N, C-alpha and C. Protein backbone atom coordinates (compact mmCIF):
# COMPACT_ATOMS: atom_id res chain seq x y z
N MET A 1 0.85 -1.17 0.00
CA MET A 1 0.00 0.00 0.00
C MET A 1 0.89 1.23 0.00
N CYS A 2 0.57 2.20 -0.82
CA CYS A 2 1.30 3.46 -0.83
C CYS A 2 0.36 4.55 -0.33
N VAL A 3 0.85 5.37 0.60
CA VAL A 3 0.06 6.46 1.16
C VAL A 3 0.68 7.82 0.84
N GLY A 4 1.82 7.80 0.16
CA GLY A 4 2.51 9.05 -0.12
C GLY A 4 3.24 9.54 1.11
N ALA A 5 3.32 10.82 1.28
CA ALA A 5 3.98 11.42 2.43
C ALA A 5 3.02 11.45 3.63
N ASN A 6 3.49 11.97 4.73
CA ASN A 6 2.62 12.12 5.90
C ASN A 6 1.61 13.23 5.66
N PRO A 7 0.40 13.11 6.23
CA PRO A 7 -0.62 14.16 6.08
C PRO A 7 -0.06 15.50 6.51
N PRO A 8 -0.41 16.56 5.89
CA PRO A 8 -1.44 16.72 4.85
C PRO A 8 -0.92 16.54 3.43
N PHE A 9 0.27 16.02 3.27
CA PHE A 9 0.86 15.89 1.94
C PHE A 9 0.71 14.49 1.36
N ASP A 10 -0.19 13.70 1.93
CA ASP A 10 -0.39 12.34 1.44
C ASP A 10 -1.28 12.34 0.21
N HIS A 11 -1.48 11.17 -0.34
CA HIS A 11 -2.38 11.01 -1.49
C HIS A 11 -3.34 9.87 -1.15
N PRO A 12 -4.33 9.61 -2.00
CA PRO A 12 -5.24 8.48 -1.71
C PRO A 12 -4.43 7.20 -1.51
N HIS A 13 -4.83 6.41 -0.53
CA HIS A 13 -4.13 5.15 -0.26
C HIS A 13 -4.44 4.16 -1.37
N VAL A 14 -3.40 3.68 -2.02
CA VAL A 14 -3.58 2.76 -3.14
C VAL A 14 -2.80 1.47 -2.86
N PHE A 15 -3.39 0.34 -3.23
CA PHE A 15 -2.73 -0.95 -3.12
C PHE A 15 -2.14 -1.28 -4.48
N LEU A 16 -0.85 -1.55 -4.51
CA LEU A 16 -0.15 -1.81 -5.76
C LEU A 16 0.15 -3.31 -5.87
N ASP A 17 -0.27 -3.92 -6.96
CA ASP A 17 -0.10 -5.34 -7.17
C ASP A 17 1.10 -5.59 -8.09
N LEU A 18 2.13 -6.25 -7.56
CA LEU A 18 3.31 -6.54 -8.37
C LEU A 18 3.04 -7.60 -9.44
N GLY A 19 2.06 -8.45 -9.21
CA GLY A 19 1.81 -9.53 -10.17
C GLY A 19 3.06 -10.38 -10.31
N ASN A 20 3.53 -10.58 -11.52
CA ASN A 20 4.76 -11.35 -11.77
C ASN A 20 5.99 -10.48 -11.89
N ASP A 21 5.83 -9.16 -11.70
CA ASP A 21 6.95 -8.23 -11.80
C ASP A 21 7.71 -8.16 -10.48
N SER A 22 8.90 -7.59 -10.50
CA SER A 22 9.69 -7.45 -9.29
C SER A 22 9.68 -6.02 -8.76
N GLU A 23 9.10 -5.09 -9.53
CA GLU A 23 9.02 -3.71 -9.06
C GLU A 23 7.81 -3.01 -9.68
N ILE A 24 7.37 -1.94 -9.01
CA ILE A 24 6.23 -1.16 -9.48
C ILE A 24 6.40 0.28 -9.01
N ILE A 25 5.86 1.22 -9.76
CA ILE A 25 5.95 2.65 -9.42
C ILE A 25 4.55 3.14 -9.09
N CYS A 26 4.42 3.86 -7.97
CA CYS A 26 3.14 4.43 -7.57
C CYS A 26 2.72 5.49 -8.60
N PRO A 27 1.49 5.41 -9.11
CA PRO A 27 1.04 6.38 -10.11
C PRO A 27 0.81 7.77 -9.54
N TYR A 28 0.70 7.90 -8.22
CA TYR A 28 0.48 9.21 -7.61
C TYR A 28 1.77 9.93 -7.28
N CYS A 29 2.72 9.24 -6.63
CA CYS A 29 3.91 9.93 -6.12
C CYS A 29 5.22 9.44 -6.72
N SER A 30 5.14 8.47 -7.61
CA SER A 30 6.31 7.92 -8.31
C SER A 30 7.29 7.19 -7.40
N THR A 31 6.86 6.74 -6.24
CA THR A 31 7.71 5.93 -5.37
C THR A 31 7.91 4.57 -6.02
N LEU A 32 9.16 4.13 -6.07
CA LEU A 32 9.48 2.83 -6.64
C LEU A 32 9.47 1.78 -5.54
N TYR A 33 8.71 0.70 -5.75
CA TYR A 33 8.66 -0.42 -4.82
C TYR A 33 9.28 -1.63 -5.49
N ARG A 34 10.18 -2.31 -4.77
CA ARG A 34 10.82 -3.52 -5.27
C ARG A 34 10.55 -4.67 -4.33
N PHE A 35 10.27 -5.85 -4.89
CA PHE A 35 10.05 -7.04 -4.09
C PHE A 35 11.37 -7.49 -3.50
N ALA A 36 11.36 -7.78 -2.20
CA ALA A 36 12.55 -8.29 -1.51
C ALA A 36 12.12 -9.54 -0.74
N ALA A 37 12.50 -10.71 -1.24
CA ALA A 37 12.07 -11.98 -0.66
C ALA A 37 12.57 -12.16 0.77
N ASP A 38 13.64 -11.46 1.15
CA ASP A 38 14.20 -11.63 2.49
C ASP A 38 13.45 -10.83 3.56
N LEU A 39 12.53 -9.94 3.17
CA LEU A 39 11.76 -9.17 4.15
C LEU A 39 10.50 -9.92 4.53
N GLY A 40 10.18 -9.90 5.81
CA GLY A 40 8.96 -10.54 6.30
C GLY A 40 7.80 -9.57 6.27
N ALA A 41 6.63 -10.06 6.66
CA ALA A 41 5.43 -9.23 6.70
C ALA A 41 5.65 -8.07 7.67
N GLY A 42 5.32 -6.86 7.24
CA GLY A 42 5.45 -5.68 8.09
C GLY A 42 6.85 -5.11 8.17
N GLU A 43 7.82 -5.68 7.44
CA GLU A 43 9.19 -5.16 7.45
C GLU A 43 9.41 -4.28 6.22
N SER A 44 10.35 -3.35 6.36
CA SER A 44 10.70 -2.48 5.23
C SER A 44 12.19 -2.19 5.26
N ARG A 45 12.68 -1.71 4.15
CA ARG A 45 14.07 -1.31 4.06
C ARG A 45 14.11 0.06 3.45
N PRO A 46 14.52 1.09 4.12
CA PRO A 46 15.00 1.13 5.51
C PRO A 46 13.85 0.94 6.50
N PRO A 47 14.17 0.47 7.71
CA PRO A 47 13.14 0.15 8.70
C PRO A 47 12.23 1.32 9.06
N GLU A 48 12.74 2.53 9.00
CA GLU A 48 11.93 3.70 9.38
C GLU A 48 10.85 4.03 8.35
N CYS A 49 10.84 3.36 7.22
CA CYS A 49 9.81 3.57 6.20
C CYS A 49 8.58 2.68 6.42
N ARG A 50 8.60 1.87 7.44
CA ARG A 50 7.47 1.00 7.74
C ARG A 50 6.27 1.83 8.14
N LEU A 51 5.10 1.51 7.57
CA LEU A 51 3.87 2.21 7.92
C LEU A 51 3.41 1.76 9.29
N LYS A 52 3.25 2.70 10.20
CA LYS A 52 2.85 2.37 11.57
C LYS A 52 1.39 2.73 11.78
N ASP A 53 0.66 1.84 12.41
CA ASP A 53 -0.74 2.08 12.72
C ASP A 53 -0.81 3.07 13.88
N LYS A 54 -1.49 4.19 13.69
CA LYS A 54 -1.57 5.22 14.73
C LYS A 54 -2.37 4.77 15.94
N ALA A 55 -3.21 3.73 15.78
CA ALA A 55 -4.00 3.24 16.90
C ALA A 55 -3.16 2.37 17.84
N ALA A 56 -2.03 1.91 17.39
CA ALA A 56 -1.19 1.01 18.20
C ALA A 56 -0.35 1.78 19.19
């Protein structure tokens, strides 16, 4: 899921499907996402880019 920057500079939350590709670019903010098989669920590289739930 891409949310763009932090509010108020974010964009609509969009889910990007890699399908059989190894990378995809967000159509709103041009962020490049690459598949990394070594990362687990909820992990990101760099770690500070992980989306954190504000309710937690």
